[in-house]
Amino acid sequence: MTASCHARRRTLVLLVSFALLAILVYWVVAASPPTPRQEEMTLDGRPVIVEYSASASAEDLMLPFYPEAELVSSFSYTVKTKGGIPITYYGSAVLHSADTPDEVVESYRAELPGSPEPETIADESGERYVLAIAGGHEVRKVTITGQDTGCRIELTRATRPVVPRPAPRPRTPYETPA
């Protein structure tokens, strides 16, 4: 396999991992209504704060909103330790554009770092294009699906979870033999 195939496979594995984490966080937070913007819970036995926002901006997602596209919905979750140290972030926005999927794909391809090649996915729900970039501890993804009246654009950003470590135990001094 070529290096680009390995990189593409790694990106897809990261996307699936982040998607599963996002679903888990969504289930945990969706169990109670998002009216409280912050909720305290435990993660691996450690207290954390989950912050829910009913909206996510282009700056939050670090992805541009397509020009003249209508924002359909968006949200974000941030998980931090009680001390404020970030653990993970997941945000998403859905847009609708009257432009064709090909126009939207070319626009995002030109704007994203590295000009990523779109992956075409076809299944029973239809055909969609996925442009993804991964680096450092995050993945950003643009999914474009054709519709009768243009296309649906889903923007997603997720950061790799950093599991908080327990506080180190103080060392006990060694006794010297008498």
N, C-alpha and C. Protein backbone atom coordinates (compact mmCIF):
# COMPACT_ATOMS: atom_id res chain seq x y z
N MET A 1 0.83 -1.18 0.00
CA MET A 1 0.00 0.00 0.00
C MET A 1 0.88 1.24 0.00
N THR A 2 0.39 2.27 -0.63
CA THR A 2 1.15 3.50 -0.69
C THR A 2 0.96 4.29 0.60
N ALA A 3 1.84 5.27 0.77
CA ALA A 3 1.77 6.10 1.98
C ALA A 3 0.46 6.88 2.04
N SER A 4 -0.04 7.31 0.88
CA SER A 4 -1.29 8.06 0.89
C SER A 4 -2.47 7.18 1.29
N CYS A 5 -2.44 5.89 0.91
CA CYS A 5 -3.49 4.96 1.33
C CYS A 5 -3.47 4.76 2.85
N HIS A 6 -2.24 4.63 3.41
CA HIS A 6 -2.12 4.47 4.86
C HIS A 6 -2.62 5.72 5.57
N ALA A 7 -2.26 6.89 5.05
CA ALA A 7 -2.70 8.14 5.67
C ALA A 7 -4.22 8.27 5.59
N ARG A 8 -4.79 7.91 4.46
CA ARG A 8 -6.24 7.99 4.29
C ARG A 8 -6.93 7.02 5.24
N ARG A 9 -6.37 5.82 5.37
CA ARG A 9 -6.96 4.82 6.26
C ARG A 9 -6.88 5.30 7.72
N ARG A 10 -5.73 5.91 8.10
CA ARG A 10 -5.59 6.43 9.46
C ARG A 10 -6.60 7.54 9.73
N THR A 11 -6.80 8.41 8.73
CA THR A 11 -7.76 9.49 8.88
C THR A 11 -9.16 8.94 9.08
N LEU A 12 -9.53 7.93 8.30
CA LEU A 12 -10.86 7.34 8.44
C LEU A 12 -11.03 6.66 9.80
N VAL A 13 -9.97 5.99 10.28
CA VAL A 13 -10.04 5.34 11.59
C VAL A 13 -10.21 6.41 12.67
N LEU A 14 -9.48 7.54 12.56
CA LEU A 14 -9.64 8.63 13.53
C LEU A 14 -11.05 9.19 13.48
N LEU A 15 -11.59 9.38 12.28
CA LEU A 15 -12.95 9.91 12.15
C LEU A 15 -13.96 8.99 12.81
N VAL A 16 -13.83 7.69 12.59
CA VAL A 16 -14.75 6.74 13.19
C VAL A 16 -14.62 6.79 14.72
N SER A 17 -13.38 6.87 15.22
CA SER A 17 -13.15 6.93 16.67
C SER A 17 -13.79 8.18 17.26
N PHE A 18 -13.59 9.32 16.59
CA PHE A 18 -14.17 10.56 17.08
C PHE A 18 -15.68 10.51 17.01
N ALA A 19 -16.22 9.92 15.95
CA ALA A 19 -17.67 9.82 15.82
C ALA A 19 -18.26 8.98 16.96
N LEU A 20 -17.60 7.86 17.28
CA LEU A 20 -18.08 7.03 18.38
C LEU A 20 -18.00 7.77 19.71
N LEU A 21 -16.92 8.53 19.92
CA LEU A 21 -16.81 9.32 21.14
C LEU A 21 -17.92 10.37 21.18
N ALA A 22 -18.18 11.00 20.05
CA ALA A 22 -19.22 12.03 20.00
C ALA A 22 -20.59 11.42 20.31
N ILE A 23 -20.85 10.24 19.79
CA ILE A 23 -22.12 9.57 20.07
C ILE A 23 -22.22 9.27 21.57
N LEU A 24 -21.14 8.78 22.16
CA LEU A 24 -21.13 8.49 23.59
C LEU A 24 -21.40 9.76 24.40
N VAL A 25 -20.71 10.84 24.07
CA VAL A 25 -20.91 12.10 24.78
C VAL A 25 -22.34 12.58 24.57
N TYR A 26 -22.85 12.45 23.34
CA TYR A 26 -24.22 12.87 23.05
C TYR A 26 -25.21 12.08 23.90
N TRP A 27 -25.05 10.76 23.99
CA TRP A 27 -25.97 9.95 24.80
C TRP A 27 -25.92 10.36 26.25
N VAL A 28 -24.72 10.61 26.75
CA VAL A 28 -24.59 10.99 28.15
C VAL A 28 -25.26 12.33 28.40
N VAL A 29 -24.99 13.30 27.53
CA VAL A 29 -25.53 14.64 27.74
C VAL A 29 -27.00 14.71 27.33
N ALA A 30 -27.40 13.96 26.30
CA ALA A 30 -28.78 14.01 25.82
C ALA A 30 -29.74 13.34 26.80
N ALA A 31 -29.22 12.55 27.73
CA ALA A 31 -30.07 11.90 28.71
C ALA A 31 -30.82 12.93 29.55
N SER A 32 -30.22 14.09 29.70
CA SER A 32 -30.89 15.18 30.39
C SER A 32 -31.00 16.35 29.42
N PRO A 33 -32.03 17.16 29.56
CA PRO A 33 -32.19 18.27 28.62
C PRO A 33 -31.00 19.23 28.67
N PRO A 34 -30.61 19.80 27.53
CA PRO A 34 -29.43 20.66 27.50
C PRO A 34 -29.66 22.05 28.08
N THR A 35 -30.75 22.25 28.81
CA THR A 35 -31.00 23.57 29.38
C THR A 35 -29.86 24.02 30.27
N PRO A 36 -29.36 23.16 31.18
CA PRO A 36 -28.17 23.62 31.89
C PRO A 36 -26.99 23.61 30.92
N ARG A 37 -26.38 24.73 30.74
CA ARG A 37 -25.26 24.85 29.79
C ARG A 37 -24.04 24.09 30.27
N GLN A 38 -23.96 23.84 31.56
CA GLN A 38 -22.86 23.05 32.12
C GLN A 38 -23.43 21.95 32.98
N GLU A 39 -22.78 20.82 32.92
CA GLU A 39 -23.22 19.71 33.75
C GLU A 39 -22.00 19.00 34.30
N GLU A 40 -22.06 18.69 35.58
CA GLU A 40 -20.96 17.97 36.20
C GLU A 40 -21.27 16.49 36.16
N MET A 41 -20.30 15.70 35.77
CA MET A 41 -20.46 14.24 35.74
C MET A 41 -19.10 13.60 35.98
N THR A 42 -19.04 12.27 35.92
CA THR A 42 -17.77 11.59 36.12
C THR A 42 -17.38 10.86 34.84
N LEU A 43 -16.09 10.84 34.58
CA LEU A 43 -15.50 10.14 33.44
C LEU A 43 -14.37 9.29 34.00
N ASP A 44 -14.50 7.99 33.87
CA ASP A 44 -13.52 7.07 34.46
C ASP A 44 -13.30 7.35 35.94
N GLY A 45 -14.40 7.66 36.64
CA GLY A 45 -14.32 7.89 38.07
C GLY A 45 -13.80 9.26 38.47
N ARG A 46 -13.52 10.12 37.51
CA ARG A 46 -13.02 11.46 37.81
C ARG A 46 -14.08 12.50 37.45
N PRO A 47 -14.25 13.52 38.28
CA PRO A 47 -15.26 14.54 37.98
C PRO A 47 -14.84 15.40 36.79
N VAL A 48 -15.78 15.66 35.89
CA VAL A 48 -15.56 16.51 34.72
C VAL A 48 -16.75 17.45 34.56
N ILE A 49 -16.55 18.48 33.76
CA ILE A 49 -17.61 19.43 33.41
C ILE A 49 -17.86 19.30 31.91
N VAL A 50 -19.11 19.07 31.52
CA VAL A 50 -19.50 19.03 30.12
C VAL A 50 -20.24 20.32 29.82
N GLU A 51 -19.72 21.08 28.86
CA GLU A 51 -20.36 22.33 28.46
C GLU A 51 -21.04 22.09 27.11
N TYR A 52 -22.32 22.38 27.05
CA TYR A 52 -23.09 22.21 25.83
C TYR A 52 -23.41 23.58 25.26
N SER A 53 -23.26 23.72 23.96
CA SER A 53 -23.67 24.94 23.29
C SER A 53 -24.62 24.56 22.17
N ALA A 54 -25.73 25.24 22.07
CA ALA A 54 -26.72 24.95 21.04
C ALA A 54 -26.31 25.51 19.69
N SER A 55 -25.10 26.06 19.61
CA SER A 55 -24.61 26.55 18.32
C SER A 55 -23.10 26.38 18.24
N ALA A 56 -22.61 26.29 17.01
CA ALA A 56 -21.18 26.22 16.75
C ALA A 56 -20.89 27.14 15.56
N SER A 57 -19.90 27.99 15.71
CA SER A 57 -19.56 28.93 14.65
C SER A 57 -18.46 28.36 13.77
N ALA A 58 -18.18 29.04 12.67
CA ALA A 58 -17.09 28.64 11.79
C ALA A 58 -15.76 28.67 12.56
N GLU A 59 -15.62 29.63 13.47
CA GLU A 59 -14.40 29.73 14.27
C GLU A 59 -14.29 28.54 15.22
N ASP A 60 -15.42 28.13 15.82
CA ASP A 60 -15.41 26.96 16.72
C ASP A 60 -14.97 25.72 15.97
N LEU A 61 -15.51 25.55 14.76
CA LEU A 61 -15.24 24.34 13.97
C LEU A 61 -13.93 24.43 13.21
N MET A 62 -13.37 25.63 13.13
CA MET A 62 -12.15 25.88 12.35
C MET A 62 -12.33 25.47 10.90
N LEU A 63 -13.56 25.66 10.40
CA LEU A 63 -13.93 25.39 9.01
C LEU A 63 -14.81 26.54 8.54
N PRO A 64 -14.60 27.04 7.33
CA PRO A 64 -15.43 28.14 6.86
C PRO A 64 -16.85 27.67 6.52
N PHE A 65 -17.81 28.52 6.79
CA PHE A 65 -19.18 28.25 6.34
C PHE A 65 -19.21 28.59 4.85
N TYR A 66 -19.86 27.76 4.07
CA TYR A 66 -19.94 27.97 2.63
C TYR A 66 -20.69 29.28 2.35
N PRO A 67 -20.16 30.12 1.42
CA PRO A 67 -20.80 31.41 1.15
C PRO A 67 -22.27 31.26 0.74
N GLU A 68 -23.11 32.09 1.33
CA GLU A 68 -24.54 32.16 1.05
C GLU A 68 -25.30 30.88 1.40
N ALA A 69 -24.68 30.00 2.16
CA ALA A 69 -25.38 28.79 2.61
C ALA A 69 -26.21 29.15 3.84
N GLU A 70 -27.31 28.46 4.00
CA GLU A 70 -28.20 28.66 5.15
C GLU A 70 -27.78 27.71 6.27
N LEU A 71 -27.63 28.25 7.47
CA LEU A 71 -27.32 27.42 8.63
C LEU A 71 -28.60 26.73 9.07
N VAL A 72 -28.60 25.39 9.02
CA VAL A 72 -29.78 24.61 9.40
C VAL A 72 -29.75 24.29 10.90
N SER A 73 -28.60 23.82 11.39
CA SER A 73 -28.46 23.51 12.81
C SER A 73 -26.98 23.42 13.15
N SER A 74 -26.69 23.53 14.44
CA SER A 74 -25.31 23.36 14.91
C SER A 74 -25.33 23.15 16.42
N PHE A 75 -24.24 22.59 16.94
CA PHE A 75 -24.09 22.38 18.37
C PHE A 75 -22.62 22.07 18.65
N SER A 76 -22.25 22.11 19.93
CA SER A 76 -20.91 21.68 20.32
C SER A 76 -20.92 21.21 21.77
N TYR A 77 -19.98 20.34 22.07
CA TYR A 77 -19.76 19.84 23.43
C TYR A 77 -18.28 20.02 23.75
N THR A 78 -18.01 20.49 24.94
CA THR A 78 -16.64 20.58 25.42
C THR A 78 -16.61 19.87 26.77
N VAL A 79 -15.64 19.00 26.94
CA VAL A 79 -15.47 18.29 28.21
C VAL A 79 -14.15 18.75 28.80
N LYS A 80 -14.22 19.20 30.08
CA LYS A 80 -13.03 19.69 30.78
C LYS A 80 -12.98 19.08 32.17
N THR A 81 -11.78 19.09 32.74
CA THR A 81 -11.67 18.69 34.14
C THR A 81 -12.28 19.79 34.99
N LYS A 82 -12.52 19.50 36.24
CA LYS A 82 -13.06 20.53 37.13
C LYS A 82 -12.08 21.69 37.26
N GLY A 83 -10.81 21.43 37.01
CA GLY A 83 -9.80 22.49 37.04
C GLY A 83 -9.72 23.29 35.75
N GLY A 84 -10.54 22.94 34.75
CA GLY A 84 -10.58 23.69 33.50
C GLY A 84 -9.67 23.18 32.40
N ILE A 85 -9.03 22.03 32.61
CA ILE A 85 -8.14 21.48 31.58
C ILE A 85 -8.98 20.75 30.53
N PRO A 86 -8.85 21.12 29.24
CA PRO A 86 -9.67 20.49 28.19
C PRO A 86 -9.38 19.00 28.05
N ILE A 87 -10.45 18.22 27.89
CA ILE A 87 -10.32 16.78 27.65
C ILE A 87 -10.65 16.49 26.19
N THR A 88 -11.80 16.97 25.72
CA THR A 88 -12.19 16.74 24.33
C THR A 88 -13.21 17.79 23.89
N TYR A 89 -13.36 17.91 22.56
CA TYR A 89 -14.32 18.84 21.97
C TYR A 89 -14.94 18.15 20.77
N TYR A 90 -16.23 18.37 20.58
CA TYR A 90 -16.92 17.89 19.38
C TYR A 90 -17.93 18.94 18.98
N GLY A 91 -17.88 19.37 17.73
CA GLY A 91 -18.83 20.35 17.25
C GLY A 91 -19.26 20.01 15.83
N SER A 92 -20.46 20.44 15.48
CA SER A 92 -21.00 20.14 14.16
C SER A 92 -21.94 21.25 13.73
N ALA A 93 -21.96 21.51 12.42
CA ALA A 93 -22.92 22.45 11.84
C ALA A 93 -23.42 21.86 10.54
N VAL A 94 -24.71 22.03 10.28
CA VAL A 94 -25.32 21.57 9.03
C VAL A 94 -25.78 22.80 8.27
N LEU A 95 -25.37 22.88 7.02
CA LEU A 95 -25.72 24.01 6.16
C LEU A 95 -26.47 23.49 4.94
N HIS A 96 -27.21 24.37 4.29
CA HIS A 96 -27.86 24.02 3.02
C HIS A 96 -27.47 25.07 1.99
N SER A 97 -27.06 24.62 0.80
CA SER A 97 -26.70 25.52 -0.28
C SER A 97 -27.47 25.15 -1.54
N ALA A 98 -27.80 26.14 -2.33
CA ALA A 98 -28.46 25.91 -3.62
C ALA A 98 -27.46 25.46 -4.68
N ASP A 99 -26.16 25.59 -4.39
CA ASP A 99 -25.13 25.19 -5.35
C ASP A 99 -25.06 23.67 -5.48
N THR A 100 -24.44 23.21 -6.55
CA THR A 100 -24.30 21.77 -6.78
C THR A 100 -23.22 21.21 -5.87
N PRO A 101 -23.26 19.91 -5.58
CA PRO A 101 -22.21 19.31 -4.76
C PRO A 101 -20.81 19.52 -5.35
N ASP A 102 -20.68 19.45 -6.68
CA ASP A 102 -19.37 19.63 -7.30
C ASP A 102 -18.81 21.03 -7.03
N GLU A 103 -19.66 22.05 -7.07
CA GLU A 103 -19.21 23.42 -6.79
C GLU A 103 -18.75 23.54 -5.34
N VAL A 104 -19.50 22.95 -4.45
CA VAL A 104 -19.17 23.02 -3.03
C VAL A 104 -17.88 22.25 -2.74
N VAL A 105 -17.73 21.07 -3.33
CA VAL A 105 -16.52 20.27 -3.14
C VAL A 105 -15.30 21.07 -3.59
N GLU A 106 -15.35 21.66 -4.76
CA GLU A 106 -14.20 22.41 -5.28
C GLU A 106 -13.88 23.62 -4.40
N SER A 107 -14.90 24.27 -3.88
CA SER A 107 -14.68 25.42 -3.01
C SER A 107 -13.95 25.00 -1.73
N TYR A 108 -14.44 23.95 -1.08
CA TYR A 108 -13.80 23.48 0.15
C TYR A 108 -12.42 22.91 -0.12
N ARG A 109 -12.27 22.20 -1.20
CA ARG A 109 -10.96 21.64 -1.54
C ARG A 109 -9.93 22.75 -1.67
N ALA A 110 -10.31 23.87 -2.29
CA ALA A 110 -9.41 25.00 -2.46
C ALA A 110 -9.10 25.70 -1.14
N GLU A 111 -10.06 25.70 -0.20
CA GLU A 111 -9.88 26.43 1.05
C GLU A 111 -9.21 25.62 2.16
N LEU A 112 -9.33 24.30 2.13
CA LEU A 112 -8.77 23.49 3.21
C LEU A 112 -7.26 23.32 3.05
N PRO A 113 -6.53 23.27 4.15
CA PRO A 113 -5.09 23.08 4.07
C PRO A 113 -4.75 21.77 3.35
N GLY A 114 -3.79 21.84 2.46
CA GLY A 114 -3.36 20.64 1.74
C GLY A 114 -4.25 20.26 0.57
N SER A 115 -5.29 21.02 0.31
CA SER A 115 -6.23 20.73 -0.79
C SER A 115 -6.57 19.23 -0.86
N PRO A 116 -7.24 18.70 0.17
CA PRO A 116 -7.49 17.25 0.21
C PRO A 116 -8.40 16.79 -0.93
N GLU A 117 -8.13 15.59 -1.42
CA GLU A 117 -8.97 14.97 -2.44
C GLU A 117 -10.24 14.46 -1.76
N PRO A 118 -11.40 14.67 -2.38
CA PRO A 118 -12.63 14.18 -1.76
C PRO A 118 -12.76 12.67 -1.90
N GLU A 119 -13.25 12.05 -0.86
CA GLU A 119 -13.60 10.63 -0.89
C GLU A 119 -15.06 10.56 -1.30
N THR A 120 -15.41 9.70 -2.22
CA THR A 120 -16.80 9.53 -2.62
C THR A 120 -17.34 8.29 -1.93
N ILE A 121 -18.45 8.45 -1.24
CA ILE A 121 -19.08 7.33 -0.56
C ILE A 121 -20.48 7.17 -1.14
N ALA A 122 -20.77 5.98 -1.62
CA ALA A 122 -22.09 5.70 -2.18
C ALA A 122 -22.68 4.51 -1.44
N ASP A 123 -23.88 4.67 -0.93
CA ASP A 123 -24.59 3.57 -0.28
C ASP A 123 -26.08 3.77 -0.51
N GLU A 124 -26.91 3.03 0.23
CA GLU A 124 -28.35 3.11 0.01
C GLU A 124 -28.93 4.49 0.29
N SER A 125 -28.23 5.31 1.09
CA SER A 125 -28.73 6.65 1.38
C SER A 125 -28.31 7.67 0.31
N GLY A 126 -27.50 7.25 -0.66
CA GLY A 126 -27.10 8.14 -1.74
C GLY A 126 -25.60 8.31 -1.80
N GLU A 127 -25.19 9.30 -2.58
CA GLU A 127 -23.77 9.57 -2.76
C GLU A 127 -23.39 10.84 -2.00
N ARG A 128 -22.24 10.80 -1.35
CA ARG A 128 -21.75 11.98 -0.65
C ARG A 128 -20.24 12.05 -0.81
N TYR A 129 -19.74 13.26 -0.61
CA TYR A 129 -18.31 13.52 -0.71
C TYR A 129 -17.80 13.90 0.67
N VAL A 130 -16.63 13.37 1.01
CA VAL A 130 -16.04 13.66 2.32
C VAL A 130 -14.64 14.20 2.11
N LEU A 131 -14.39 15.37 2.67
CA LEU A 131 -13.05 15.96 2.69
C LEU A 131 -12.64 16.02 4.16
N ALA A 132 -11.51 15.45 4.49
CA ALA A 132 -11.09 15.41 5.89
C ALA A 132 -9.64 15.82 6.00
N ILE A 133 -9.36 16.51 7.09
CA ILE A 133 -7.97 16.84 7.42
C ILE A 133 -7.77 16.48 8.88
N ALA A 134 -6.62 15.92 9.15
CA ALA A 134 -6.29 15.51 10.51
C ALA A 134 -4.88 15.98 10.81
N GLY A 135 -4.70 16.44 12.00
CA GLY A 135 -3.37 16.88 12.40
C GLY A 135 -3.36 17.16 13.88
N GLY A 136 -2.20 16.96 14.45
CA GLY A 136 -2.11 17.20 15.89
C GLY A 136 -3.07 16.29 16.62
N HIS A 137 -3.99 16.88 17.32
CA HIS A 137 -4.94 16.11 18.12
C HIS A 137 -6.38 16.33 17.67
N GLU A 138 -6.57 16.66 16.37
CA GLU A 138 -7.94 16.90 15.93
C GLU A 138 -8.17 16.45 14.50
N VAL A 139 -9.46 16.31 14.20
CA VAL A 139 -9.91 15.97 12.85
C VAL A 139 -11.00 16.97 12.48
N ARG A 140 -10.91 17.48 11.27
CA ARG A 140 -11.97 18.34 10.73
C ARG A 140 -12.48 17.68 9.46
N LYS A 141 -13.80 17.67 9.29
CA LYS A 141 -14.40 16.94 8.18
C LYS A 141 -15.53 17.75 7.56
N VAL A 142 -15.59 17.71 6.22
CA VAL A 142 -16.68 18.33 5.48
C VAL A 142 -17.35 17.22 4.69
N THR A 143 -18.66 17.04 4.89
CA THR A 143 -19.43 16.04 4.16
C THR A 143 -20.47 16.76 3.32
N ILE A 144 -20.49 16.47 2.02
CA ILE A 144 -21.39 17.15 1.09
C ILE A 144 -22.29 16.11 0.44
N THR A 145 -23.60 16.30 0.59
CA THR A 145 -24.58 15.37 0.05
C THR A 145 -25.52 16.12 -0.89
N GLY A 146 -25.67 15.60 -2.10
CA GLY A 146 -26.58 16.22 -3.06
C GLY A 146 -28.03 16.05 -2.65
N GLN A 147 -28.83 17.07 -2.92
CA GLN A 147 -30.27 17.05 -2.65
C GLN A 147 -30.98 17.62 -3.87
N ASP A 148 -32.29 17.49 -3.90
CA ASP A 148 -33.06 18.01 -5.04
C ASP A 148 -32.88 19.52 -5.21
N THR A 149 -32.71 20.22 -4.10
CA THR A 149 -32.62 21.69 -4.14
C THR A 149 -31.21 22.18 -3.83
N GLY A 150 -30.19 21.49 -4.24
CA GLY A 150 -28.82 21.90 -3.97
C GLY A 150 -28.07 20.83 -3.23
N CYS A 151 -27.52 21.18 -2.06
CA CYS A 151 -26.79 20.17 -1.29
C CYS A 151 -26.78 20.50 0.20
N ARG A 152 -26.54 19.45 0.96
CA ARG A 152 -26.42 19.53 2.42
C ARG A 152 -24.93 19.47 2.73
N ILE A 153 -24.47 20.36 3.60
CA ILE A 153 -23.06 20.43 3.97
C ILE A 153 -22.99 20.23 5.48
N GLU A 154 -22.24 19.22 5.89
CA GLU A 154 -22.05 18.99 7.33
C GLU A 154 -20.59 19.23 7.66
N LEU A 155 -20.35 20.14 8.59
CA LEU A 155 -19.00 20.47 9.05
C LEU A 155 -18.83 19.88 10.45
N THR A 156 -17.72 19.19 10.67
CA THR A 156 -17.49 18.54 11.96
C THR A 156 -16.05 18.78 12.40
N ARG A 157 -15.87 19.02 13.68
CA ARG A 157 -14.53 19.10 14.26
C ARG A 157 -14.54 18.33 15.57
N ALA A 158 -13.54 17.48 15.75
CA ALA A 158 -13.42 16.70 16.99
C ALA A 158 -11.96 16.66 17.41
N THR A 159 -11.74 16.74 18.71
CA THR A 159 -10.38 16.62 19.21
C THR A 159 -10.21 15.27 19.89
N ARG A 160 -9.00 14.78 19.86
CA ARG A 160 -8.69 13.49 20.48
C ARG A 160 -8.88 13.61 21.98
N PRO A 161 -9.58 12.64 22.57
CA PRO A 161 -9.78 12.71 24.02
C PRO A 161 -8.46 12.54 24.77
N VAL A 162 -8.28 13.36 25.76
CA VAL A 162 -7.12 13.27 26.64
C VAL A 162 -7.67 12.89 28.00
N VAL A 163 -7.47 11.66 28.40
CA VAL A 163 -8.02 11.18 29.67
C VAL A 163 -7.25 11.82 30.82
N PRO A 164 -7.97 12.47 31.74
CA PRO A 164 -7.28 13.10 32.85
C PRO A 164 -6.59 12.07 33.73
N ARG A 165 -5.41 12.39 34.14
CA ARG A 165 -4.65 11.47 35.00
C ARG A 165 -4.91 11.81 36.46
N PRO A 166 -4.90 10.80 37.28
CA PRO A 166 -5.08 11.09 38.70
C PRO A 166 -3.87 11.85 39.23
N ALA A 167 -4.10 12.60 40.29
CA ALA A 167 -3.01 13.36 40.90
C ALA A 167 -1.95 12.38 41.41
N PRO A 168 -0.68 12.71 41.22
CA PRO A 168 0.37 11.80 41.69
C PRO A 168 0.36 11.70 43.21
N ARG A 169 0.65 10.49 43.67
CA ARG A 169 0.73 10.28 45.11
C ARG A 169 2.07 10.78 45.62
N PRO A 170 2.07 11.39 46.77
CA PRO A 170 3.36 11.85 47.31
C PRO A 170 4.24 10.66 47.64
N ARG A 171 5.49 10.82 47.37
CA ARG A 171 6.45 9.75 47.67
C ARG A 171 6.71 9.72 49.17
N THR A 172 6.91 8.52 49.65
CA THR A 172 7.29 8.39 51.06
C THR A 172 8.80 8.26 51.09
N PRO A 173 9.43 8.97 51.98
CA PRO A 173 10.90 8.90 52.03
C PRO A 173 11.34 7.50 52.48
N TYR A 174 12.41 7.08 51.86
CA TYR A 174 12.98 5.78 52.23
C TYR A 174 13.74 5.93 53.53
N GLU A 175 13.58 4.93 54.39
CA GLU A 175 14.32 4.95 55.65
C GLU A 175 15.68 4.32 55.41
N THR A 176 16.68 4.88 55.98
CA THR A 176 18.00 4.28 55.84
C THR A 176 18.18 3.24 56.95
N PRO A 177 18.77 2.12 56.54
CA PRO A 177 18.95 1.06 57.58
C PRO A 177 19.89 1.52 58.68
N ALA A 178 19.64 1.08 59.90
CA ALA A 178 20.44 1.47 61.05
C ALA A 178 21.70 0.66 61.17
